């Protein structure tokens, strides 16, 4: 990407220091061949700018390319991200406090997830929440005797969770996790895998730490709600749909048990998708590339037509699907797997 466009984006973020950008291979299959499906994306509010989104021509993975280095994302999530997602400015040197609505929502979503996972016959053990925010989703696990830990790169949220709520969370980028081998029974990543700097390093660390038959829960944004104009944004470095969620699980040894748009954690994040898998190791990993070769993939055209479909529906009805409407649709038994 041209230097002038990089500077324009950094100026938008009011970042004076210059950070370089780099082009990446597909993080799922490792291929270089991609198609640009969106050049100008949503930055914030009414502001749009150039941060290209590519689709891998081999497996259909959708991701931002190029991207900044690790230091940029550490600085970005440390201060700017919380302000942007909650549209709330903070005074210099004053930490951003998580909104009360967010805290209540995290607690409720954690309870719903805890109840939902009972059907997978989980025994009390150790749970890790990657990208935990304040860590409130861990509260039902703590109350039921689980050994819990969480991490997040938003420093003020971690400090609030640890100091105000007494939750076992720490401030770090997930790439810097130090996990003991065979130490975790359950990993939950609720919409955070889209934000990490190095997805493969994160997944390798989780694979090393997970116990045999351990469970991984992934949540991702899913298909657009209405127009795709606002769907692609600066905060998401990659976009998972059902197929690529399953592929990233299989790449690291998890066998997908359930991939669904059913609102597992309630209606406050409409249209998100979930993928729940059980760790089986090498027996799953060894067939990963052959699955793609034999058709477990999407093409760039598949993705482009999917986006056009959502744009067509949004234009035809001139509105977004409301949460209650989506909940009624998603709750139907035919949409639970």
Protein backbone atom coordinates (compact mmCIF):
# COMPACT_ATOMS: atom_id res chain seq x y z
CA UNK A 1 0.00 0.00 0.00
CA UNK A 2 1.32 3.45 -0.88
CA UNK A 3 2.97 5.38 1.92
CA UNK A 4 0.58 8.33 1.52
CA UNK A 5 -2.41 6.08 2.30
CA UNK A 6 -0.66 4.68 5.37
CA UNK A 7 0.04 8.21 6.61
CA UNK A 8 -3.56 9.22 5.97
CA UNK A 9 -4.83 6.38 8.14
CA UNK A 10 -2.34 7.12 10.93
CA UNK A 11 -3.33 10.78 10.82
CA UNK A 12 -6.95 9.73 11.16
CA UNK A 13 -6.01 7.84 14.34
CA UNK A 14 -4.00 10.88 15.48
CA UNK A 15 -0.87 8.75 15.68
CA UNK A 16 2.23 10.85 15.00
CA UNK A 17 4.68 7.98 14.82
CA UNK A 18 4.99 6.17 11.48
CA UNK A 19 4.39 2.41 11.43
CA UNK A 20 5.23 0.31 8.38
CA UNK A 21 2.86 -2.19 6.75
CA UNK A 22 3.60 -5.63 5.35
CA UNK A 23 1.86 -8.04 2.96
CA UNK A 24 1.03 -11.52 4.27
CA UNK A 25 0.23 -14.95 2.90
CA UNK A 26 -3.11 -16.53 3.71
CA UNK A 27 -2.97 -17.37 7.41
CA UNK A 28 -4.98 -20.56 6.97
CA UNK A 29 -3.53 -22.35 3.93
CA UNK A 30 -0.30 -20.37 3.41
CA UNK A 31 -0.93 -19.44 -0.24
CA UNK A 32 -0.04 -16.04 -1.72
CA UNK A 33 -2.66 -15.83 -4.48
CA UNK A 34 -5.46 -13.49 -3.40
CA UNK A 35 -8.19 -11.26 -4.84
CA UNK A 36 -9.00 -7.81 -3.45
CA UNK A 37 -12.69 -7.80 -2.58
CA UNK A 38 -12.81 -4.42 -0.84
CA UNK A 39 -10.31 -1.57 -1.17
CA UNK A 40 -11.97 1.21 0.82
CA UNK A 41 -13.44 0.20 4.19
CA UNK A 42 -15.14 1.75 7.21
CA UNK A 43 -12.70 3.54 9.51
CA UNK A 44 -15.07 5.07 12.04
CA UNK A 45 -18.32 7.04 12.12
CA UNK A 46 -18.86 8.41 8.63
CA UNK A 47 -15.20 8.09 7.69
CA UNK A 48 -14.07 5.56 5.06
CA UNK A 49 -10.58 5.01 3.71
CA UNK A 50 -8.16 2.63 2.04
CA UNK A 51 -7.28 -0.53 4.00
CA UNK A 52 -7.67 -3.35 1.44
CA UNK A 53 -9.42 -6.64 2.26
CA UNK A 54 -8.30 -9.73 0.32
CA UNK A 55 -9.77 -13.18 -0.24
CA UNK A 56 -7.49 -16.20 -0.57
CA UNK A 57 -8.03 -17.85 -3.94
CA UNK A 58 -7.17 -21.27 -2.51
CA UNK A 59 -9.39 -21.57 0.59
CA UNK A 60 -11.61 -18.48 0.72
CA UNK A 61 -10.16 -16.88 3.84
CA UNK A 62 -10.90 -13.14 4.03
CA UNK A 63 -8.34 -10.83 5.64
CA UNK A 64 -6.86 -7.33 5.72
CA UNK A 65 -3.72 -7.06 3.60
CA UNK A 66 -1.29 -5.37 4.15
CA UNK A 67 -1.23 -4.96 7.94
CA UNK A 68 0.90 -3.14 10.49
CA UNK A 69 3.59 -4.63 12.72
CA UNK A 70 3.03 -6.03 16.21
CA UNK A 71 4.14 -2.83 17.98
CA UNK A 72 1.40 -0.84 16.25
CA UNK A 73 -1.34 -3.19 17.48
CA UNK A 74 0.05 -3.19 21.02
CA UNK A 75 -0.13 0.61 21.08
CA UNK A 76 -3.51 0.67 19.32
CA UNK A 77 -5.28 -1.75 21.67
CA UNK A 78 -3.61 -0.22 24.70
CA UNK A 79 -5.40 3.08 24.24
CA UNK A 80 -7.39 3.73 21.05
CA UNK A 81 -9.49 0.60 20.55
CA UNK A 82 -11.71 1.02 23.62
CA UNK A 83 -12.43 4.62 22.70
CA UNK A 84 -13.36 3.69 19.15
CA UNK A 85 -15.70 0.77 19.87
CA UNK A 86 -17.50 2.61 22.67
CA UNK A 87 -17.32 6.01 20.93
CA UNK A 88 -16.14 7.63 24.11
CA UNK A 89 -13.17 9.96 24.51
CA UNK A 90 -11.01 9.96 27.62
CA UNK A 91 -8.82 12.63 29.13
CA UNK A 92 -5.08 12.26 28.80
CA UNK A 93 -3.59 9.74 31.24
CA UNK A 94 -7.08 8.71 32.38
CA UNK A 95 -8.13 5.10 31.83
CA UNK A 96 -11.28 4.31 29.87
CA UNK A 97 -13.85 2.72 32.16
CA UNK A 98 -15.91 -0.10 30.64
CA UNK A 99 -19.57 1.00 30.19
CA UNK A 100 -22.04 -0.56 32.62
CA UNK A 101 -24.06 -1.97 29.70
CA UNK A 102 -20.94 -3.77 28.47
CA UNK A 103 -20.24 -5.26 31.91
CA UNK A 104 -23.82 -6.49 32.32
CA UNK A 105 -23.78 -7.94 28.81
CA UNK A 106 -20.50 -9.79 29.39
CA UNK A 107 -21.83 -11.34 32.58
CA UNK A 108 -25.08 -12.43 30.93
CA UNK A 109 -23.30 -13.81 27.87
CA UNK A 110 -20.94 -15.76 30.10
CA UNK A 111 -23.85 -17.37 31.92
CA UNK A 112 -25.58 -18.32 28.66
CA UNK A 113 -22.36 -19.82 27.31
CA UNK A 114 -21.79 -21.79 30.53
CA UNK A 115 -25.31 -23.25 30.30
CA UNK A 116 -24.97 -24.03 26.58
CA UNK A 117 -21.69 -25.92 27.05
CA UNK A 118 -23.28 -28.35 29.51
CA UNK A 119 -24.54 -30.40 26.55
CA UNK A 120 -20.90 -31.19 25.66
CA UNK A 121 -20.44 -33.03 28.97
CA UNK A 122 -17.69 -30.75 30.22
CA UNK A 123 -16.30 -31.61 33.63
CA UNK A 124 -15.08 -28.90 35.99
CA UNK A 125 -11.54 -27.96 35.04
CA UNK A 126 -9.43 -25.10 33.68
CA UNK A 127 -10.76 -22.43 31.31
CA UNK A 128 -8.89 -19.72 29.40
CA UNK A 129 -10.62 -16.69 27.88
CA UNK A 130 -8.49 -15.18 25.08
CA UNK A 131 -9.45 -11.55 24.49
CA UNK A 132 -11.48 -11.46 27.70
CA UNK A 133 -12.10 -7.72 28.02
CA UNK A 134 -12.70 -7.26 31.76
CA UNK A 135 -13.09 -11.02 32.25
CA UNK A 136 -16.76 -10.89 33.26
CA UNK A 137 -17.64 -13.87 31.04
CA UNK A 138 -15.59 -16.01 33.41
CA UNK A 139 -17.83 -15.32 36.44
CA UNK A 140 -20.18 -18.32 36.05
CA UNK A 141 -17.18 -20.63 35.64
CA UNK A 142 -15.57 -19.20 38.79
CA UNK A 143 -18.79 -19.64 40.75
CA UNK A 144 -18.93 -23.28 39.70
CA UNK A 145 -15.43 -24.11 40.82
CA UNK A 146 -13.48 -23.79 37.55
CA UNK A 147 -9.89 -22.56 37.56
CA UNK A 148 -10.04 -19.49 35.33
CA UNK A 149 -7.70 -17.10 33.55
CA UNK A 150 -8.08 -14.48 30.84
CA UNK A 151 -6.02 -12.02 28.87
CA UNK A 152 -6.63 -8.93 26.77
CA UNK A 153 -4.53 -6.15 25.16
CA UNK A 154 -6.83 -3.34 26.41
CA UNK A 155 -4.96 -2.30 29.54
CA UNK A 156 -7.72 -0.24 31.19
CA UNK A 157 -10.22 -3.11 30.89
CA UNK A 158 -7.80 -5.59 32.42
CA UNK A 159 -7.03 -3.20 35.27
CA UNK A 160 -10.74 -2.73 35.91
CA UNK A 161 -11.41 -6.48 35.86
CA UNK A 162 -8.49 -7.25 38.14
CA UNK A 163 -8.72 -4.31 40.56
CA UNK A 164 -12.47 -3.61 40.70
CA UNK A 165 -13.92 -7.05 40.04
CA UNK A 166 -11.13 -9.25 41.45
CA UNK A 167 -10.99 -11.39 38.30
CA UNK A 168 -7.97 -13.54 37.28
CA UNK A 169 -7.01 -11.60 34.14
CA UNK A 170 -3.78 -10.18 32.79
CA UNK A 171 -2.78 -7.53 30.29
CA UNK A 172 -0.92 -8.93 27.30
CA UNK A 173 -1.20 -9.68 23.62
CA UNK A 174 -2.28 -13.26 23.10
CA UNK A 175 0.92 -13.96 21.14
CA UNK A 176 2.80 -13.46 24.42
CA UNK A 177 0.81 -16.03 26.43
CA UNK A 178 2.88 -18.44 28.51
CA UNK A 179 0.88 -21.62 28.87
CA UNK A 180 1.83 -24.96 30.37
CA UNK A 181 1.53 -28.07 28.22
CA UNK A 182 -1.69 -30.08 28.70
CA UNK A 183 -3.01 -27.59 31.24
CA UNK A 184 -6.35 -26.36 29.81
CA UNK A 185 -9.73 -28.08 29.41
CA UNK A 186 -11.63 -25.25 27.72
CA UNK A 187 -10.60 -22.25 25.59
CA UNK A 188 -13.09 -19.55 24.69
CA UNK A 189 -12.33 -16.88 22.07
CA UNK A 190 -15.38 -14.69 21.78
CA UNK A 191 -14.84 -12.51 18.73
CA UNK A 192 -11.15 -11.91 19.43
CA UNK A 193 -9.42 -14.14 16.87
CA UNK A 194 -10.22 -11.49 14.25
CA UNK A 195 -8.07 -9.00 16.17
CA UNK A 196 -4.88 -10.89 17.09
CA UNK A 197 -1.65 -10.02 15.33
CA UNK A 198 -0.43 -13.57 14.60
CA UNK A 199 -3.28 -16.08 14.49
CA UNK A 200 -1.01 -19.06 13.85
CA UNK A 201 1.24 -18.34 16.82
CA UNK A 202 -1.82 -17.97 19.06
CA UNK A 203 -3.33 -21.25 17.84
CA UNK A 204 -0.02 -23.09 18.25
CA UNK A 205 0.20 -21.97 21.86
CA UNK A 206 -3.39 -23.03 22.52
CA UNK A 207 -2.83 -26.41 20.88
CA UNK A 208 0.18 -27.04 23.11
CA UNK A 209 -1.80 -26.12 26.23
CA UNK A 210 -5.08 -27.93 25.51
CA UNK A 211 -5.72 -31.35 27.02
CA UNK A 212 -6.85 -34.32 24.94
CA UNK A 213 -10.55 -33.88 24.14
CA UNK A 214 -10.39 -30.27 25.34
CA UNK A 215 -12.99 -27.89 23.94
CA UNK A 216 -12.43 -24.74 21.87
CA UNK A 217 -15.24 -22.19 21.41
CA UNK A 218 -14.83 -19.64 18.63
CA UNK A 219 -17.18 -16.75 18.01
CA UNK A 220 -16.90 -14.57 14.90
CA UNK A 221 -18.93 -11.83 13.25
CA UNK A 222 -20.54 -14.07 10.64
CA UNK A 223 -22.30 -12.72 7.57
CA UNK A 224 -23.09 -8.99 7.28
CA UNK A 225 -26.27 -7.63 8.79
CA UNK A 226 -27.64 -5.57 5.93
CA UNK A 227 -25.31 -3.53 3.72
CA UNK A 228 -21.67 -4.55 3.55
CA UNK A 229 -20.62 -0.90 3.49
CA UNK A 230 -19.97 -0.86 7.24
CA UNK A 231 -19.13 -4.55 7.61
CA UNK A 232 -15.44 -4.28 6.72
CA UNK A 233 -13.75 -2.03 9.25
CA UNK A 234 -10.34 -1.08 10.61
CA UNK A 235 -10.72 -3.07 13.83
CA UNK A 236 -11.05 -6.49 12.17
CA UNK A 237 -7.90 -7.90 10.59
CA UNK A 238 -9.65 -11.02 9.34
CA UNK A 239 -13.22 -12.24 8.78
CA UNK A 240 -14.40 -15.75 9.58
CA UNK A 241 -17.38 -17.43 8.00
CA UNK A 242 -18.51 -20.95 8.89
CA UNK A 243 -16.11 -22.74 6.56
CA UNK A 244 -12.96 -20.87 7.59
CA UNK A 245 -13.80 -21.22 11.29
CA UNK A 246 -13.83 -24.98 10.80
CA UNK A 247 -10.62 -24.89 8.74
CA UNK A 248 -8.64 -23.01 11.38
CA UNK A 249 -9.87 -25.49 14.00
CA UNK A 250 -8.86 -28.48 11.92
CA UNK A 251 -5.46 -26.98 11.11
CA UNK A 252 -4.58 -27.20 14.81
CA UNK A 253 -6.23 -30.50 15.69
CA UNK A 254 -9.76 -29.59 16.80
CA UNK A 255 -12.63 -31.55 15.32
CA UNK A 256 -15.60 -29.21 14.76
CA UNK A 257 -18.67 -30.50 16.61
CA UNK A 258 -21.06 -27.63 15.96
CA UNK A 259 -21.00 -24.63 13.63
CA UNK A 260 -24.05 -22.45 14.05
CA UNK A 261 -25.61 -19.02 13.78
CA UNK A 262 -27.83 -19.81 16.74
CA UNK A 263 -27.36 -16.98 19.31
CA UNK A 264 -25.53 -19.08 21.89
CA UNK A 265 -24.79 -16.07 24.11
CA UNK A 266 -28.02 -14.17 23.51
CA UNK A 267 -29.25 -11.53 21.07
CA UNK A 268 -26.90 -8.64 21.84
CA UNK A 269 -24.44 -9.60 19.10
CA UNK A 270 -26.82 -10.48 16.25
CA UNK A 271 -25.67 -12.71 13.40
CA UNK A 272 -22.42 -13.82 14.99
CA UNK A 273 -21.36 -17.40 14.25
CA UNK A 274 -20.05 -20.01 16.64
CA UNK A 275 -17.85 -23.01 16.09
CA UNK A 276 -17.27 -25.50 18.90
CA UNK A 277 -14.63 -28.21 18.54
CA UNK A 278 -13.01 -31.04 20.50
CA UNK A 279 -9.24 -31.53 20.39
CA UNK A 280 -8.23 -34.78 18.68
CA UNK A 281 -4.72 -33.87 17.58
CA UNK A 282 -2.84 -35.35 14.64
CA UNK A 283 -5.75 -37.43 13.37
CA UNK A 284 -7.52 -34.18 12.47
CA UNK A 285 -4.48 -32.12 11.48
CA UNK A 286 -3.09 -34.54 8.93
CA UNK A 287 -6.06 -34.24 6.58
CA UNK A 288 -6.29 -30.46 6.68
CA UNK A 289 -4.73 -29.54 3.30
CA UNK A 290 -6.47 -32.42 1.52
CA UNK A 291 -9.83 -31.15 2.75
CA UNK A 292 -9.20 -27.86 0.97
CA UNK A 293 -8.01 -29.61 -2.20
CA UNK A 294 -11.14 -31.78 -2.18
CA UNK A 295 -13.53 -28.85 -1.94
CA UNK A 296 -13.82 -27.60 1.64
CA UNK A 297 -13.26 -24.03 0.55
CA UNK A 298 -14.90 -20.95 -0.86
CA UNK A 299 -13.73 -18.98 -3.89
CA UNK A 300 -13.38 -15.22 -4.13
CA UNK A 301 -16.47 -15.27 -6.37
CA UNK A 302 -18.41 -17.14 -3.66
CA UNK A 303 -17.52 -14.38 -1.18
CA UNK A 304 -18.20 -11.55 -3.64
CA UNK A 305 -21.64 -12.92 -4.55
CA UNK A 306 -22.43 -13.45 -0.87
CA UNK A 307 -21.64 -9.79 -0.21
CA UNK A 308 -23.67 -8.67 -3.22
CA UNK A 309 -26.60 -10.69 -1.94
CA UNK A 310 -26.52 -8.91 1.41
CA UNK A 311 -26.23 -5.53 -0.33
CA UNK A 312 -29.22 -6.42 -2.51
CA UNK A 313 -31.35 -7.40 0.49
CA UNK A 314 -30.34 -4.25 2.38
CA UNK A 315 -31.19 -2.05 -0.60
CA UNK A 316 -34.48 -3.80 -1.24
CA UNK A 317 -35.73 -3.46 2.33
CA UNK A 318 -33.72 -0.31 3.14
CA UNK A 319 -32.97 -1.45 6.69
CA UNK A 320 -30.90 -3.76 8.86
CA UNK A 321 -32.29 -6.88 10.48
CA UNK A 322 -33.27 -6.08 14.04
CA UNK A 323 -31.97 -8.19 16.92
CA UNK A 324 -35.42 -9.58 17.85
CA UNK A 325 -36.14 -10.53 14.24
CA UNK A 326 -32.80 -12.28 14.01
CA UNK A 327 -33.34 -14.08 17.31
CA UNK A 328 -36.66 -15.47 16.09
CA UNK A 329 -35.03 -16.64 12.87
CA UNK A 330 -31.91 -18.06 14.46
CA UNK A 331 -33.85 -19.86 17.19
CA UNK A 332 -35.58 -22.04 14.61
CA UNK A 333 -34.28 -25.66 14.88
CA UNK A 334 -33.25 -25.71 11.21
CA UNK A 335 -30.59 -23.05 11.91
CA UNK A 336 -28.89 -24.73 14.87
CA UNK A 337 -26.30 -26.67 12.94
